[in-house]
Amino acid sequence: MDKKKKRKVLGILYAALLFLSGCRIVEPEKRAYPLVLGIDEQDGIYQVYFGMAALPQMTGQEKEGEEDSQGGSGKGYLMYTGKTLEEILAAYEKSQELYLDMGHIQAVIFGQNLYRQTGQLTQILDSMEKTSTLGNAAYVYRSEQLEEVMAMNGENIQSLGEFLAGIYENRMDESHPLILRKVYSTLHNEGAIEEFPLVFPEGDGLSVVLESSGDPV
């Protein structure tokens, strides 16, 4: 292929990337990568936790004294509040330099307070389904101690998202894991909410009760 044809092909590929990304291409090092999402609600206000991937630690490239590249909070998560998911995402964008890339989220944990309120839960699920960057393959859980569980990300547990994904992936007898796609489908087709597995702190780690078995794992 001569140089002129090569430049033309590269130009077409670049234009395609612009189209697919909504005319916004962000370099990997300028992105924040949450692997786990926590959501709860209190008095009409949502609390959303973004459990970030500790990329420097995971790749062995962390430097002594280097600040947290996923927002600089020193925690394994960032938390925002708002009346809608859209408002929360806008608040993140205004306060953080890094683009929020939610395409790698492996697990979503709903707070028990939100889980008990069918109307509010249905509303946030509808917003989540319309947020195309989130996808629908993340594993779904609930917790009565959401903030404590999220605080374990990057601390007691190196990657909470990977840990919660592994709960299913390491159980060969679990043929029907609960993922967002199934939650959406049951809500649309049956007007019902699935029973989410329960995750809770236990000692220095976490225990999970999969509703199909009723036993902690």
Protein backbone atom coordinates (compact mmCIF):
# COMPACT_ATOMS: atom_id res chain seq x y z
CA MET A 1 0.00 0.00 0.00
CA ASP A 2 1.44 3.37 -1.04
CA LYS A 3 1.60 6.33 1.37
CA LYS A 4 -1.38 8.13 -0.18
CA LYS A 5 -3.68 5.11 0.20
CA LYS A 6 -2.37 4.47 3.70
CA ARG A 7 -3.16 8.05 4.77
CA LYS A 8 -6.66 7.70 3.28
CA VAL A 9 -7.34 4.46 5.20
CA LEU A 10 -6.06 6.00 8.43
CA GLY A 11 -8.27 9.03 7.84
CA ILE A 12 -11.35 6.83 7.39
CA LEU A 13 -10.54 4.88 10.56
CA TYR A 14 -10.08 8.08 12.54
CA ALA A 15 -13.40 9.45 11.27
CA ALA A 16 -15.11 6.18 12.24
CA LEU A 17 -13.66 6.41 15.74
CA LEU A 18 -14.93 9.97 16.08
CA PHE A 19 -18.39 8.88 15.01
CA LEU A 20 -18.53 5.89 17.38
CA SER A 21 -17.30 7.90 20.33
CA GLY A 22 -19.63 10.83 19.79
CA CYS A 23 -16.76 12.96 18.48
CA ARG A 24 -14.86 12.58 21.73
CA ILE A 25 -11.68 10.55 21.82
CA VAL A 26 -9.97 10.45 25.20
CA GLU A 27 -6.53 8.94 25.69
CA PRO A 28 -6.37 6.01 28.18
CA GLU A 29 -4.16 7.89 30.65
CA LYS A 30 -6.76 10.67 30.83
CA ARG A 31 -9.57 8.31 31.87
CA ALA A 32 -10.83 7.14 35.27
CA TYR A 33 -11.85 3.49 35.33
CA PRO A 34 -14.41 2.49 37.96
CA LEU A 35 -14.75 -1.29 38.24
CA VAL A 36 -17.55 -1.26 40.81
CA LEU A 37 -20.52 1.06 41.23
CA GLY A 38 -22.45 1.57 44.49
CA ILE A 39 -25.89 3.22 44.54
CA ASP A 40 -28.19 4.09 47.43
CA GLU A 41 -30.95 6.60 48.16
CA GLN A 42 -32.02 8.66 51.16
CA ASP A 43 -34.89 11.18 51.27
CA GLY A 44 -35.06 11.49 47.49
CA ILE A 45 -31.31 11.96 47.05
CA TYR A 46 -29.14 9.31 45.41
CA GLN A 47 -25.65 8.51 46.67
CA VAL A 48 -23.41 7.06 43.95
CA TYR A 49 -20.00 5.54 44.70
CA PHE A 50 -17.45 5.02 41.93
CA GLY A 51 -15.00 2.31 43.02
CA MET A 52 -11.91 3.10 40.99
CA ALA A 53 -9.37 0.69 39.55
CA ALA A 54 -5.98 1.19 41.20
CA LEU A 55 -4.14 1.13 37.90
CA PRO A 56 -0.62 1.99 39.18
CA GLN A 57 -0.80 -0.65 41.91
CA MET A 58 -2.29 -3.27 39.61
CA THR A 59 0.37 -2.77 36.96
CA GLY A 60 3.26 -2.46 39.40
CA GLN A 61 4.03 1.08 38.20
CA GLU A 62 3.16 2.96 41.39
CA LYS A 63 5.83 5.43 42.50
CA GLU A 64 6.49 6.36 46.09
CA GLY A 65 4.69 9.58 47.00
CA GLU A 66 2.63 9.55 43.81
CA GLU A 67 -0.94 10.82 44.17
CA ASP A 68 -3.94 8.68 43.32
CA SER A 69 -4.44 9.05 39.57
CA GLN A 70 -8.16 8.25 39.85
CA GLY A 71 -9.20 11.52 41.42
CA GLY A 72 -6.67 12.16 44.17
CA SER A 73 -9.06 11.43 47.06
CA GLY A 74 -6.79 8.84 48.67
CA LYS A 75 -9.80 6.51 48.86
CA GLY A 76 -10.74 3.59 46.68
CA TYR A 77 -13.92 5.38 45.66
CA LEU A 78 -15.44 8.75 44.81
CA MET A 79 -18.94 9.58 46.06
CA TYR A 80 -21.45 12.02 44.60
CA THR A 81 -25.04 12.87 45.48
CA GLY A 82 -27.89 14.16 43.36
CA LYS A 83 -31.57 13.82 42.49
CA THR A 84 -30.84 11.95 39.24
CA LEU A 85 -28.06 9.86 37.77
CA GLU A 86 -27.60 12.47 35.06
CA GLU A 87 -27.06 15.18 37.70
CA ILE A 88 -24.46 13.02 39.44
CA LEU A 89 -22.56 12.31 36.24
CA ALA A 90 -22.54 16.05 35.47
CA ALA A 91 -21.20 16.77 38.97
CA TYR A 92 -18.37 14.30 38.41
CA GLU A 93 -17.45 15.91 35.10
CA LYS A 94 -17.31 19.38 36.69
CA SER A 95 -15.09 18.30 39.61
CA GLN A 96 -12.65 15.81 38.05
CA GLU A 97 -10.02 16.16 35.35
CA LEU A 98 -10.23 12.56 34.20
CA TYR A 99 -12.96 11.37 31.83
CA LEU A 100 -15.25 8.83 33.54
CA ASP A 101 -15.06 5.59 31.55
CA MET A 102 -17.80 3.29 32.88
CA GLY A 103 -17.33 0.64 30.22
CA HIS A 104 -15.27 -1.57 32.55
CA ILE A 105 -17.66 -1.78 35.52
CA GLN A 106 -17.84 -5.39 36.67
CA ALA A 107 -20.30 -5.13 39.55
CA VAL A 108 -23.08 -2.83 40.80
CA ILE A 109 -24.07 -2.83 44.48
CA PHE A 110 -27.41 -1.32 45.48
CA GLY A 111 -27.90 -0.08 49.02
CA GLN A 112 -30.63 -1.90 50.94
CA ASN A 113 -32.61 1.32 51.45
CA LEU A 114 -32.87 1.83 47.69
CA TYR A 115 -33.51 -1.87 47.06
CA ARG A 116 -36.59 -1.76 49.32
CA GLN A 117 -38.13 1.17 47.41
CA THR A 118 -39.46 -0.32 44.20
CA GLY A 119 -40.40 3.02 42.66
CA GLN A 120 -37.02 4.67 43.25
CA LEU A 121 -35.16 1.50 42.23
CA THR A 122 -37.14 1.24 39.00
CA GLN A 123 -36.37 4.89 38.26
CA ILE A 124 -32.62 4.54 38.72
CA LEU A 125 -32.55 1.26 36.76
CA ASP A 126 -34.25 3.05 33.86
CA SER A 127 -31.60 5.80 33.97
CA MET A 128 -28.82 3.21 34.12
CA GLU A 129 -30.20 1.31 31.14
CA LYS A 130 -30.25 4.54 29.11
CA THR A 131 -26.62 5.27 30.05
CA SER A 132 -25.06 3.45 27.11
CA THR A 133 -21.49 3.70 28.41
CA LEU A 134 -22.40 1.59 31.44
CA GLY A 135 -23.29 -1.54 29.51
CA ASN A 136 -25.49 -4.31 30.89
CA ALA A 137 -23.15 -7.19 31.76
CA ALA A 138 -22.14 -6.10 35.29
CA TYR A 139 -23.00 -8.45 38.16
CA VAL A 140 -25.67 -7.15 40.55
CA TYR A 141 -25.62 -7.18 44.37
CA ARG A 142 -27.21 -5.39 47.34
CA SER A 143 -25.82 -4.43 50.73
CA GLU A 144 -27.08 -3.08 54.04
CA GLN A 145 -23.61 -1.59 54.65
CA LEU A 146 -22.82 -0.13 51.25
CA GLU A 147 -20.31 2.52 52.36
CA GLU A 148 -18.32 -0.01 54.42
CA VAL A 149 -18.26 -2.42 51.49
CA MET A 150 -17.15 0.28 49.04
CA ALA A 151 -14.42 1.40 51.45
CA MET A 152 -12.78 -2.01 51.05
CA ASN A 153 -11.97 -1.29 47.42
CA GLY A 154 -8.20 -0.88 47.17
CA GLU A 155 -7.81 -1.52 50.90
CA ASN A 156 -8.86 -4.91 52.29
CA ILE A 157 -9.64 -6.01 48.74
CA GLN A 158 -7.37 -4.86 45.92
CA SER A 159 -10.21 -4.69 43.40
CA LEU A 160 -13.76 -4.98 44.71
CA GLY A 161 -15.17 -5.17 41.19
CA GLU A 162 -12.96 -8.11 40.24
CA PHE A 163 -13.67 -9.82 43.58
CA LEU A 164 -17.45 -9.62 43.07
CA ALA A 165 -17.18 -10.77 39.46
CA GLY A 166 -15.03 -13.70 40.59
CA ILE A 167 -17.73 -14.84 43.04
CA TYR A 168 -19.74 -16.06 40.07
CA GLU A 169 -16.92 -16.86 37.69
CA ASN A 170 -15.28 -19.22 40.21
CA ARG A 171 -18.52 -21.12 40.88
CA MET A 172 -18.92 -23.56 38.03
CA ASP A 173 -22.34 -24.68 39.33
CA GLU A 174 -23.76 -21.16 39.03
CA SER A 175 -25.24 -21.21 35.51
CA HIS A 176 -27.46 -18.14 35.77
CA PRO A 177 -25.60 -15.24 37.38
CA LEU A 178 -27.58 -12.09 38.01
CA ILE A 179 -26.40 -9.32 35.72
CA LEU A 180 -27.91 -5.98 34.79
CA ARG A 181 -29.28 -7.36 31.52
CA LYS A 182 -31.41 -9.91 33.42
CA VAL A 183 -32.58 -7.26 35.90
CA TYR A 184 -33.68 -5.00 33.03
CA SER A 185 -35.37 -7.89 31.21
CA THR A 186 -37.35 -9.06 34.26
CA LEU A 187 -38.44 -5.49 34.99
CA HIS A 188 -39.65 -4.93 31.42
CA ASN A 189 -41.28 -8.32 30.84
CA GLU A 190 -42.69 -9.10 34.29
CA GLY A 191 -42.81 -5.74 36.03
CA ALA A 192 -40.82 -7.28 38.88
CA ILE A 193 -37.46 -6.82 40.59
CA GLU A 194 -35.09 -9.76 40.84
CA GLU A 195 -33.82 -10.82 44.28
CA PHE A 196 -30.28 -9.44 44.43
CA PRO A 197 -27.49 -11.40 46.16
CA LEU A 198 -26.46 -9.89 49.51
CA VAL A 199 -22.89 -8.75 50.21
CA PHE A 200 -21.72 -7.73 53.68
CA PRO A 201 -18.47 -7.12 55.63
CA GLU A 202 -17.19 -10.04 57.68
CA GLY A 203 -13.93 -9.64 59.55
CA ASP A 204 -11.37 -8.15 57.18
CA GLY A 205 -13.20 -9.40 54.13
CA LEU A 206 -16.61 -9.83 52.55
CA SER A 207 -19.24 -12.53 52.51
CA VAL A 208 -21.82 -12.98 49.79
CA VAL A 209 -25.13 -14.84 49.94
CA LEU A 210 -26.27 -15.98 46.52
CA GLU A 211 -30.03 -16.23 46.73
CA SER A 212 -30.10 -19.48 44.77
CA SER A 213 -28.22 -21.30 47.51
CA GLY A 214 -28.78 -19.18 50.64
CA ASP A 215 -25.26 -20.04 51.80
CA PRO A 216 -22.40 -17.52 52.30
CA VAL A 217 -19.49 -17.87 49.88
